[in-house]
């Protein structure tokens, strides 16, 4: 007991070797914790970016669907834009939905009028500009179908990484189109 008491009262410090060993162990533990924290932060940032792009796309498709349902007719000059003629007169009120961008990054835009310039970006990170195809109303021998707009919206926040790819596909019927 006396020996233990004497050893506890000893005020000598630690040796340089003990101090260096403790410091190395501490640095190894801290570097592991830091690496895990950085990895988690990057994963959360990537997930939030994908979620935001998907949410924008869903909201944009919903707006497009709502306007297309109300449109009297549609016209496409290319697969990258569609112009919808809107009520009440179905001749002069036009809304254009189009893609703008280059390479592997395009945005979906809504423009008041018949030209695709400027406008409000509704969605981002589309991988192609060719997203629309329009089928005119069909009226052969008793078959009466309304006009239909096919929309194919592929999104990829990181085009080099296949895990971030997402695609929304929809066929929207123009309810006010003539049969």
N, C-alpha and C. Protein backbone atom coordinates (compact mmCIF):
# COMPACT_ATOMS: atom_id res chain seq x y z
N UNK A 1 0.80 -1.17 0.00
CA UNK A 1 0.00 0.00 0.00
C UNK A 1 0.86 1.26 0.00
N UNK A 2 1.94 1.19 0.76
CA UNK A 2 2.83 2.33 0.82
C UNK A 2 3.48 2.60 -0.53
N UNK A 3 3.83 1.53 -1.21
CA UNK A 3 4.44 1.70 -2.51
C UNK A 3 3.48 2.35 -3.50
N UNK A 4 2.24 1.95 -3.45
CA UNK A 4 1.23 2.51 -4.34
C UNK A 4 0.99 3.97 -3.99
N UNK A 5 0.96 4.28 -2.72
CA UNK A 5 0.75 5.65 -2.28
C UNK A 5 1.92 6.52 -2.71
N UNK A 6 3.13 5.99 -2.60
CA UNK A 6 4.30 6.75 -2.99
C UNK A 6 4.32 6.97 -4.50
N UNK A 7 3.91 5.98 -5.24
CA UNK A 7 3.90 6.09 -6.70
C UNK A 7 2.85 7.11 -7.16
N UNK A 8 1.73 7.16 -6.47
CA UNK A 8 0.69 8.11 -6.84
C UNK A 8 1.10 9.54 -6.52
N UNK A 9 1.92 9.73 -5.53
CA UNK A 9 2.38 11.07 -5.18
C UNK A 9 3.56 11.51 -6.01
N UNK A 10 4.11 10.63 -6.78
CA UNK A 10 5.26 10.96 -7.61
C UNK A 10 4.85 11.98 -8.66
N UNK A 11 5.54 13.08 -8.79
CA UNK A 11 5.16 14.16 -9.68
C UNK A 11 6.01 14.21 -10.93
N UNK A 12 6.68 13.18 -11.23
CA UNK A 12 7.43 13.17 -12.48
C UNK A 12 6.44 13.07 -13.62
N UNK A 13 6.69 13.64 -14.77
CA UNK A 13 5.80 13.62 -15.92
C UNK A 13 5.99 12.36 -16.73
N UNK A 14 5.52 12.41 -17.94
CA UNK A 14 5.65 11.27 -18.84
C UNK A 14 6.91 11.44 -19.65
N UNK A 15 7.38 10.36 -20.17
CA UNK A 15 8.59 10.42 -20.97
C UNK A 15 8.24 10.90 -22.37
N UNK A 16 9.24 11.29 -23.12
CA UNK A 16 9.04 11.77 -24.48
C UNK A 16 8.47 10.67 -25.37
N UNK A 17 8.88 9.45 -25.18
CA UNK A 17 8.37 8.32 -25.96
C UNK A 17 6.88 8.11 -25.69
N UNK A 18 6.49 8.19 -24.42
CA UNK A 18 5.08 8.03 -24.08
C UNK A 18 4.24 9.16 -24.69
N UNK A 19 4.75 10.37 -24.64
CA UNK A 19 4.04 11.50 -25.21
C UNK A 19 3.90 11.36 -26.72
N UNK A 20 4.95 10.96 -27.40
CA UNK A 20 4.90 10.78 -28.86
C UNK A 20 3.93 9.66 -29.23
N UNK A 21 3.94 8.57 -28.51
CA UNK A 21 3.04 7.44 -28.78
C UNK A 21 1.58 7.88 -28.60
N UNK A 22 1.29 8.59 -27.54
CA UNK A 22 -0.07 9.07 -27.29
C UNK A 22 -0.52 10.03 -28.40
N UNK A 23 0.36 10.90 -28.82
CA UNK A 23 0.03 11.85 -29.89
C UNK A 23 -0.25 11.13 -31.20
N UNK A 24 0.52 10.14 -31.55
CA UNK A 24 0.31 9.38 -32.79
C UNK A 24 -1.04 8.65 -32.74
N UNK A 25 -1.35 8.02 -31.62
CA UNK A 25 -2.64 7.33 -31.48
C UNK A 25 -3.79 8.33 -31.63
N UNK A 26 -3.66 9.48 -30.99
CA UNK A 26 -4.69 10.51 -31.09
C UNK A 26 -4.88 10.98 -32.53
N UNK A 27 -3.80 11.20 -33.26
CA UNK A 27 -3.88 11.63 -34.66
C UNK A 27 -4.54 10.57 -35.54
N UNK A 28 -4.23 9.31 -35.32
CA UNK A 28 -4.85 8.23 -36.10
C UNK A 28 -6.37 8.20 -35.86
N UNK A 29 -6.77 8.31 -34.61
CA UNK A 29 -8.20 8.30 -34.28
C UNK A 29 -8.90 9.52 -34.87
N UNK A 30 -8.31 10.69 -34.74
CA UNK A 30 -8.91 11.91 -35.27
C UNK A 30 -9.00 11.88 -36.80
N UNK A 31 -8.00 11.35 -37.48
CA UNK A 31 -8.06 11.28 -38.95
C UNK A 31 -9.16 10.33 -39.41
N UNK A 32 -9.36 9.24 -38.69
CA UNK A 32 -10.46 8.33 -39.02
C UNK A 32 -11.82 8.97 -38.82
N UNK A 33 -11.98 9.69 -37.72
CA UNK A 33 -13.25 10.38 -37.45
C UNK A 33 -13.50 11.47 -38.50
N UNK A 34 -12.46 12.22 -38.86
CA UNK A 34 -12.58 13.27 -39.87
C UNK A 34 -12.96 12.69 -41.22
N UNK A 35 -12.34 11.59 -41.62
CA UNK A 35 -12.66 10.96 -42.91
C UNK A 35 -14.12 10.50 -42.94
N UNK A 36 -14.60 9.94 -41.85
CA UNK A 36 -15.99 9.50 -41.78
C UNK A 36 -16.93 10.69 -41.85
N UNK A 37 -16.60 11.78 -41.18
CA UNK A 37 -17.43 12.98 -41.20
C UNK A 37 -17.48 13.60 -42.59
N UNK A 38 -16.35 13.70 -43.27
CA UNK A 38 -16.30 14.27 -44.63
C UNK A 38 -17.08 13.39 -45.60
N UNK A 39 -16.93 12.09 -45.50
CA UNK A 39 -17.67 11.17 -46.37
C UNK A 39 -19.17 11.30 -46.16
N UNK A 40 -19.60 11.38 -44.93
CA UNK A 40 -21.02 11.54 -44.63
C UNK A 40 -21.58 12.86 -45.13
N UNK A 41 -20.80 13.92 -45.01
CA UNK A 41 -21.22 15.23 -45.49
C UNK A 41 -21.37 15.23 -47.01
N UNK A 42 -20.43 14.62 -47.72
CA UNK A 42 -20.52 14.52 -49.18
C UNK A 42 -21.73 13.69 -49.60
N UNK A 43 -21.97 12.59 -48.94
CA UNK A 43 -23.12 11.74 -49.27
C UNK A 43 -24.43 12.50 -49.04
N UNK A 44 -24.52 13.25 -47.97
CA UNK A 44 -25.72 14.02 -47.69
C UNK A 44 -25.90 15.11 -48.74
N UNK A 45 -24.84 15.78 -49.12
CA UNK A 45 -24.91 16.83 -50.13
C UNK A 45 -25.37 16.26 -51.47
N UNK A 46 -24.83 15.11 -51.87
CA UNK A 46 -25.24 14.46 -53.13
C UNK A 46 -26.71 14.06 -53.08
N UNK A 47 -27.14 13.50 -51.97
CA UNK A 47 -28.54 13.08 -51.84
C UNK A 47 -29.47 14.29 -51.90
N UNK A 48 -29.11 15.39 -51.26
CA UNK A 48 -29.93 16.59 -51.30
C UNK A 48 -30.01 17.16 -52.70
N UNK A 49 -28.89 17.14 -53.43
CA UNK A 49 -28.86 17.66 -54.80
C UNK A 49 -29.76 16.80 -55.70
N UNK A 50 -29.69 15.49 -55.58
CA UNK A 50 -30.57 14.60 -56.37
C UNK A 50 -32.03 14.82 -56.00
N UNK A 51 -32.30 14.93 -54.71
CA UNK A 51 -33.68 15.14 -54.25
C UNK A 51 -34.23 16.45 -54.79
N UNK A 52 -33.44 17.53 -54.74
CA UNK A 52 -33.89 18.82 -55.25
C UNK A 52 -34.17 18.76 -56.75
N UNK A 53 -33.29 18.09 -57.51
CA UNK A 53 -33.49 17.97 -58.96
C UNK A 53 -34.75 17.16 -59.26
N UNK A 54 -34.97 16.09 -58.53
CA UNK A 54 -36.17 15.28 -58.74
C UNK A 54 -37.44 16.04 -58.36
N UNK A 55 -37.40 16.79 -57.28
CA UNK A 55 -38.55 17.57 -56.86
C UNK A 55 -38.88 18.65 -57.88
N UNK A 56 -37.85 19.36 -58.36
CA UNK A 56 -38.07 20.37 -59.39
C UNK A 56 -38.70 19.74 -60.63
N UNK A 57 -38.21 18.58 -61.01
CA UNK A 57 -38.73 17.91 -62.20
C UNK A 57 -40.18 17.50 -62.02
N UNK A 58 -40.52 16.95 -60.88
CA UNK A 58 -41.91 16.54 -60.62
C UNK A 58 -42.85 17.74 -60.62
N UNK A 59 -42.44 18.83 -59.98
CA UNK A 59 -43.27 20.03 -59.96
C UNK A 59 -43.39 20.61 -61.37
N UNK A 60 -42.30 20.63 -62.13
CA UNK A 60 -42.33 21.12 -63.50
C UNK A 60 -43.24 20.29 -64.38
N UNK A 61 -43.16 18.97 -64.26
CA UNK A 61 -44.03 18.09 -65.06
C UNK A 61 -45.48 18.29 -64.66
N UNK A 62 -45.75 18.52 -63.39
CA UNK A 62 -47.11 18.77 -62.94
C UNK A 62 -47.65 20.07 -63.56
N UNK A 63 -46.83 21.12 -63.58
CA UNK A 63 -47.25 22.38 -64.20
C UNK A 63 -47.50 22.20 -65.69
N UNK A 64 -46.60 21.47 -66.37
CA UNK A 64 -46.76 21.21 -67.80
C UNK A 64 -48.03 20.40 -68.05
N UNK A 65 -48.27 19.39 -67.24
CA UNK A 65 -49.46 18.54 -67.39
C UNK A 65 -50.73 19.38 -67.22
N UNK A 66 -50.75 20.25 -66.21
CA UNK A 66 -51.91 21.09 -65.96
C UNK A 66 -52.21 22.01 -67.14
N UNK A 67 -51.17 22.62 -67.70
CA UNK A 67 -51.36 23.50 -68.85
C UNK A 67 -51.74 22.73 -70.11
N UNK A 68 -51.15 21.57 -70.30
CA UNK A 68 -51.47 20.77 -71.49
C UNK A 68 -52.91 20.26 -71.43
N UNK A 69 -53.39 19.90 -70.26
CA UNK A 69 -54.78 19.47 -70.12
C UNK A 69 -55.74 20.59 -70.53
N UNK A 70 -55.35 21.83 -70.29
CA UNK A 70 -56.20 22.97 -70.60
C UNK A 70 -56.04 23.45 -72.04
N UNK A 71 -54.96 23.09 -72.70
CA UNK A 71 -54.65 23.62 -74.03
C UNK A 71 -55.64 23.13 -75.08
N UNK A 72 -55.88 23.99 -76.07
CA UNK A 72 -56.75 23.63 -77.20
C UNK A 72 -55.98 22.83 -78.24
N UNK A 73 -54.72 23.20 -78.44
CA UNK A 73 -53.88 22.47 -79.40
C UNK A 73 -52.42 22.71 -79.04
N UNK A 74 -51.58 21.95 -79.67
CA UNK A 74 -50.14 22.07 -79.44
C UNK A 74 -49.42 21.96 -80.77
N UNK A 75 -48.23 22.50 -80.82
CA UNK A 75 -47.40 22.35 -82.02
C UNK A 75 -45.96 22.23 -81.58
N UNK A 76 -45.21 21.44 -82.30
CA UNK A 76 -43.80 21.27 -82.00
C UNK A 76 -42.99 21.58 -83.25
N UNK A 77 -41.97 22.39 -83.09
CA UNK A 77 -41.06 22.65 -84.20
C UNK A 77 -39.88 21.70 -84.13
N UNK A 78 -39.63 21.18 -82.95
CA UNK A 78 -38.58 20.18 -82.75
C UNK A 78 -38.91 19.42 -81.48
N UNK A 79 -38.11 18.42 -81.17
CA UNK A 79 -38.34 17.62 -79.97
C UNK A 79 -37.93 18.36 -78.71
N UNK A 80 -37.39 19.57 -78.85
CA UNK A 80 -36.95 20.33 -77.69
C UNK A 80 -37.94 21.40 -77.26
N UNK A 81 -39.07 21.57 -77.98
CA UNK A 81 -40.04 22.57 -77.55
C UNK A 81 -41.44 22.20 -78.01
N UNK A 82 -42.41 22.67 -77.24
CA UNK A 82 -43.81 22.49 -77.58
C UNK A 82 -44.53 23.79 -77.23
N UNK A 83 -45.36 24.26 -78.15
CA UNK A 83 -46.14 25.47 -77.93
C UNK A 83 -47.60 25.08 -77.76
N UNK A 84 -48.18 25.51 -76.67
CA UNK A 84 -49.57 25.19 -76.35
C UNK A 84 -50.43 26.43 -76.57
N UNK A 85 -51.50 26.29 -77.34
CA UNK A 85 -52.47 27.37 -77.51
C UNK A 85 -53.52 27.23 -76.43
N UNK A 86 -53.69 28.30 -75.66
CA UNK A 86 -54.50 28.24 -74.45
C UNK A 86 -55.83 28.96 -74.62
N UNK A 87 -56.85 28.55 -73.85
CA UNK A 87 -58.13 29.26 -73.83
C UNK A 87 -57.92 30.66 -73.26
N UNK A 88 -58.76 31.61 -73.45
CA UNK A 88 -60.12 31.47 -73.90
C UNK A 88 -60.29 31.48 -75.41
N UNK A 89 -59.37 32.10 -76.17
CA UNK A 89 -59.60 32.18 -77.61
C UNK A 89 -58.91 31.08 -78.41
N UNK A 90 -57.94 30.41 -77.83
CA UNK A 90 -57.23 29.29 -78.45
C UNK A 90 -56.52 29.68 -79.76
N UNK A 91 -56.24 30.96 -79.94
CA UNK A 91 -55.51 31.38 -81.14
C UNK A 91 -54.34 32.28 -80.82
N UNK A 92 -54.50 33.18 -79.88
CA UNK A 92 -53.42 34.15 -79.63
C UNK A 92 -52.68 33.95 -78.32
N UNK A 93 -53.25 33.24 -77.38
CA UNK A 93 -52.59 33.02 -76.09
C UNK A 93 -51.77 31.74 -76.17
N UNK A 94 -50.45 31.90 -76.15
CA UNK A 94 -49.56 30.74 -76.29
C UNK A 94 -48.60 30.66 -75.11
N UNK A 95 -48.27 29.44 -74.77
CA UNK A 95 -47.27 29.15 -73.75
C UNK A 95 -46.32 28.12 -74.38
N UNK A 96 -45.04 28.36 -74.27
CA UNK A 96 -44.05 27.45 -74.84
C UNK A 96 -43.25 26.80 -73.71
N UNK A 97 -43.13 25.49 -73.80
CA UNK A 97 -42.26 24.72 -72.91
C UNK A 97 -41.11 24.24 -73.76
N UNK A 98 -39.88 24.46 -73.29
CA UNK A 98 -38.73 24.08 -74.11
C UNK A 98 -37.54 23.74 -73.23
N UNK A 99 -36.54 23.15 -73.86
CA UNK A 99 -35.29 22.86 -73.17
C UNK A 99 -34.21 23.78 -73.73
N UNK A 100 -33.35 24.24 -72.86
CA UNK A 100 -32.23 25.08 -73.25
C UNK A 100 -30.99 24.56 -72.54
N UNK A 101 -29.89 24.50 -73.25
CA UNK A 101 -28.64 24.04 -72.66
C UNK A 101 -27.76 23.42 -73.72
N UNK A 102 -26.74 22.73 -73.29
CA UNK A 102 -25.83 22.06 -74.22
C UNK A 102 -25.12 20.92 -73.51
N UNK A 103 -24.52 20.07 -74.31
CA UNK A 103 -23.78 18.94 -73.76
C UNK A 103 -24.70 17.96 -73.06
N UNK A 104 -24.44 17.73 -71.79
CA UNK A 104 -25.27 16.79 -71.02
C UNK A 104 -26.05 17.50 -69.92
N UNK A 105 -26.20 18.84 -70.06
CA UNK A 105 -26.97 19.57 -69.05
C UNK A 105 -27.91 20.55 -69.74
N UNK A 106 -29.20 20.27 -69.58
CA UNK A 106 -30.25 21.11 -70.13
C UNK A 106 -31.20 21.49 -69.01
N UNK A 107 -31.95 22.55 -69.24
CA UNK A 107 -32.98 22.97 -68.31
C UNK A 107 -34.32 22.99 -69.02
N UNK A 108 -35.39 22.77 -68.26
CA UNK A 108 -36.74 22.85 -68.79
C UNK A 108 -37.29 24.23 -68.46
N UNK A 109 -37.74 24.96 -69.50
CA UNK A 109 -38.18 26.34 -69.33
C UNK A 109 -39.63 26.50 -69.76
N UNK A 110 -40.30 27.43 -69.10
CA UNK A 110 -41.66 27.83 -69.48
C UNK A 110 -41.59 29.28 -69.91
N UNK A 111 -42.10 29.55 -71.13
CA UNK A 111 -42.02 30.89 -71.71
C UNK A 111 -43.41 31.32 -72.13
N UNK A 112 -43.82 32.52 -71.76
CA UNK A 112 -45.08 33.08 -72.26
C UNK A 112 -44.83 33.52 -73.69
N UNK A 113 -45.63 33.01 -74.62
CA UNK A 113 -45.47 33.35 -76.03
C UNK A 113 -45.03 32.13 -76.81
N UNK A 114 -44.77 32.35 -78.10
CA UNK A 114 -44.47 31.23 -78.99
C UNK A 114 -42.99 31.01 -79.22
N UNK A 115 -42.14 31.87 -78.72
CA UNK A 115 -40.69 31.73 -78.94
C UNK A 115 -40.03 31.17 -77.69
N UNK A 116 -39.01 30.38 -77.91
CA UNK A 116 -38.28 29.79 -76.78
C UNK A 116 -37.02 30.59 -76.50
N UNK A 117 -37.19 31.71 -75.84
CA UNK A 117 -36.02 32.49 -75.42
C UNK A 117 -36.34 33.08 -74.06
N UNK A 118 -35.38 32.95 -73.18
CA UNK A 118 -35.60 33.43 -71.82
C UNK A 118 -36.54 32.51 -71.07
N UNK A 119 -37.49 33.10 -70.40
CA UNK A 119 -38.46 32.32 -69.66
C UNK A 119 -37.99 31.96 -68.27
N UNK A 120 -38.78 31.13 -67.62
CA UNK A 120 -38.51 30.71 -66.24
C UNK A 120 -38.05 29.26 -66.26
N UNK A 121 -36.88 29.01 -65.67
CA UNK A 121 -36.41 27.62 -65.59
C UNK A 121 -37.22 26.90 -64.53
N UNK A 122 -37.80 25.79 -64.94
CA UNK A 122 -38.66 25.01 -64.06
C UNK A 122 -37.91 23.82 -63.49
N UNK A 123 -37.01 23.23 -64.28
CA UNK A 123 -36.24 22.06 -63.84
C UNK A 123 -34.85 22.16 -64.45
N UNK A 124 -33.91 21.47 -63.83
CA UNK A 124 -32.51 21.52 -64.27
C UNK A 124 -31.95 20.10 -64.33
N UNK A 125 -30.77 19.97 -64.87
CA UNK A 125 -30.01 18.72 -64.95
C UNK A 125 -30.62 17.69 -65.91
N UNK A 126 -31.39 18.13 -66.91
CA UNK A 126 -31.84 17.20 -67.94
C UNK A 126 -30.63 16.77 -68.76
N UNK A 127 -30.59 15.53 -69.17
CA UNK A 127 -29.42 15.04 -69.92
C UNK A 127 -29.57 15.16 -71.42
N UNK A 128 -30.76 15.49 -71.90
CA UNK A 128 -30.98 15.67 -73.33
C UNK A 128 -31.97 16.80 -73.54
N UNK A 129 -31.91 17.40 -74.71
CA UNK A 129 -32.84 18.47 -75.04
C UNK A 129 -34.08 17.97 -75.76
N UNK A 130 -34.04 16.74 -76.25
CA UNK A 130 -35.16 16.16 -77.00
C UNK A 130 -36.08 15.42 -76.04
N UNK A 131 -37.11 16.12 -75.56
CA UNK A 131 -37.96 15.53 -74.53
C UNK A 131 -39.44 15.47 -74.92
N UNK A 132 -39.83 16.13 -76.01
CA UNK A 132 -41.24 16.19 -76.38
C UNK A 132 -41.51 15.45 -77.68
N UNK A 133 -42.69 14.82 -77.76
CA UNK A 133 -43.22 14.36 -79.04
C UNK A 133 -44.73 14.53 -78.98
N UNK A 134 -45.28 15.05 -80.06
CA UNK A 134 -46.70 15.41 -80.10
C UNK A 134 -47.41 14.53 -81.12
N UNK A 135 -48.55 13.99 -80.72
CA UNK A 135 -49.39 13.21 -81.62
C UNK A 135 -50.69 13.96 -81.82
N UNK A 136 -50.96 14.33 -83.06
CA UNK A 136 -52.17 15.08 -83.38
C UNK A 136 -53.40 14.21 -83.19
N UNK A 137 -54.59 14.83 -83.06
CA UNK A 137 -55.81 14.04 -82.92
C UNK A 137 -56.01 13.14 -84.12
N UNK A 138 -56.49 11.95 -83.86
CA UNK A 138 -56.69 10.95 -84.91
C UNK A 138 -58.19 10.71 -85.08
N UNK A 139 -58.71 10.80 -86.32
CA UNK A 139 -60.13 10.60 -86.55
C UNK A 139 -60.42 9.65 -87.70
N UNK A 140 -59.71 8.54 -87.82
CA UNK A 140 -60.06 7.63 -88.91
C UNK A 140 -61.25 6.76 -88.55
N UNK A 141 -62.13 6.58 -89.46
CA UNK A 141 -63.31 5.70 -89.42
C UNK A 141 -63.80 5.32 -88.03
N UNK A 142 -64.41 6.27 -87.34
CA UNK A 142 -65.04 5.96 -86.07
C UNK A 142 -64.13 6.06 -84.86
N UNK A 143 -62.82 6.06 -85.03
CA UNK A 143 -61.90 6.17 -83.90
C UNK A 143 -61.66 7.65 -83.62
N UNK A 144 -61.97 8.07 -82.43
CA UNK A 144 -61.81 9.48 -82.07
C UNK A 144 -60.87 9.57 -80.87
N UNK A 145 -59.66 9.99 -81.12
CA UNK A 145 -58.72 10.17 -80.02
C UNK A 145 -58.30 11.63 -79.95
N UNK A 146 -58.02 12.07 -78.79
CA UNK A 146 -57.59 13.46 -78.59
C UNK A 146 -56.08 13.57 -78.82
N UNK A 147 -55.64 14.81 -78.99
CA UNK A 147 -54.22 15.07 -79.15
C UNK A 147 -53.48 14.62 -77.88
N UNK A 148 -52.24 14.19 -78.06
CA UNK A 148 -51.46 13.65 -76.94
C UNK A 148 -50.04 14.19 -77.01
N UNK A 149 -49.51 14.57 -75.87
CA UNK A 149 -48.14 15.07 -75.75
C UNK A 149 -47.35 14.06 -74.92
N UNK A 150 -46.31 13.49 -75.53
CA UNK A 150 -45.44 12.55 -74.82
C UNK A 150 -44.24 13.33 -74.29
N UNK A 151 -43.96 13.18 -73.00
CA UNK A 151 -42.86 13.88 -72.35
C UNK A 151 -41.93 12.85 -71.72
N UNK A 152 -40.66 12.93 -72.05
CA UNK A 152 -39.64 12.02 -71.51
C UNK A 152 -38.52 12.87 -70.93
N UNK A 153 -38.43 12.94 -69.61
CA UNK A 153 -37.51 13.83 -68.92
C UNK A 153 -36.44 13.05 -68.15
N UNK A 154 -35.27 12.81 -68.75
CA UNK A 154 -34.19 12.15 -68.02
C UNK A 154 -33.34 13.17 -67.26
N UNK A 155 -33.10 12.90 -65.99
CA UNK A 155 -32.32 13.79 -65.14
C UNK A 155 -31.14 13.03 -64.57
N UNK A 156 -29.98 13.69 -64.57
CA UNK A 156 -28.80 13.10 -63.96
C UNK A 156 -27.95 14.24 -63.40
N UNK A 157 -27.87 14.33 -62.08
CA UNK A 157 -27.12 15.40 -61.44
C UNK A 157 -25.64 15.26 -61.71
N UNK A 158 -25.15 14.01 -61.74
CA UNK A 158 -23.75 13.73 -62.05
C UNK A 158 -23.71 12.77 -63.24
N UNK A 159 -23.61 13.31 -64.47
CA UNK A 159 -23.70 12.45 -65.66
C UNK A 159 -22.68 11.32 -65.71
N UNK A 160 -21.54 11.45 -65.09
CA UNK A 160 -20.54 10.39 -65.09
C UNK A 160 -20.88 9.24 -64.15
N UNK A 161 -21.78 9.49 -63.20
CA UNK A 161 -22.15 8.51 -62.19
C UNK A 161 -23.54 7.98 -62.50
N UNK A 162 -23.68 6.71 -62.80
CA UNK A 162 -24.97 6.13 -63.17
C UNK A 162 -25.96 6.03 -62.02
N UNK A 163 -25.51 6.20 -60.79
CA UNK A 163 -26.40 6.05 -59.65
C UNK A 163 -27.35 7.23 -59.49
N UNK A 164 -27.01 8.38 -60.06
CA UNK A 164 -27.83 9.57 -59.86
C UNK A 164 -28.86 9.76 -60.96
N UNK A 165 -28.99 8.84 -61.90
CA UNK A 165 -29.92 8.98 -63.01
C UNK A 165 -31.36 8.77 -62.55
N UNK A 166 -32.26 9.54 -63.16
CA UNK A 166 -33.68 9.52 -62.80
C UNK A 166 -34.45 9.92 -64.05
N UNK A 167 -35.60 9.33 -64.29
CA UNK A 167 -36.35 9.65 -65.49
C UNK A 167 -37.85 9.67 -65.20
N UNK A 168 -38.51 10.72 -65.70
CA UNK A 168 -39.96 10.82 -65.63
C UNK A 168 -40.50 10.77 -67.05
N UNK A 169 -41.48 9.90 -67.29
CA UNK A 169 -42.10 9.76 -68.60
C UNK A 169 -43.60 9.88 -68.40
N UNK A 170 -44.26 10.66 -69.28
CA UNK A 170 -45.69 10.84 -69.16
C UNK A 170 -46.30 11.11 -70.52
N UNK A 171 -47.52 10.66 -70.70
CA UNK A 171 -48.34 10.99 -71.86
C UNK A 171 -49.47 11.86 -71.36
N UNK A 172 -49.54 13.09 -71.87
CA UNK A 172 -50.53 14.05 -71.42
C UNK A 172 -51.54 14.26 -72.55
N UNK A 173 -52.81 14.06 -72.25
CA UNK A 173 -53.87 14.26 -73.23
C UNK A 173 -54.34 15.71 -73.17
N UNK A 174 -54.45 16.34 -74.32
CA UNK A 174 -54.97 17.69 -74.42
C UNK A 174 -56.49 17.59 -74.42
N UNK A 175 -57.10 17.81 -73.29
CA UNK A 175 -58.53 17.59 -73.10
C UNK A 175 -59.39 18.49 -73.97
N UNK A 176 -58.91 19.70 -74.24
CA UNK A 176 -59.70 20.64 -75.02
C UNK A 176 -59.45 20.52 -76.52
N UNK A 177 -58.65 19.56 -76.94
CA UNK A 177 -58.39 19.40 -78.37
C UNK A 177 -59.63 18.83 -79.04
N UNK A 178 -59.77 19.13 -80.32
CA UNK A 178 -60.95 18.66 -81.05
C UNK A 178 -60.74 17.22 -81.44
N UNK A 179 -61.84 16.47 -81.48
CA UNK A 179 -61.78 15.08 -81.89
C UNK A 179 -62.30 14.95 -83.29
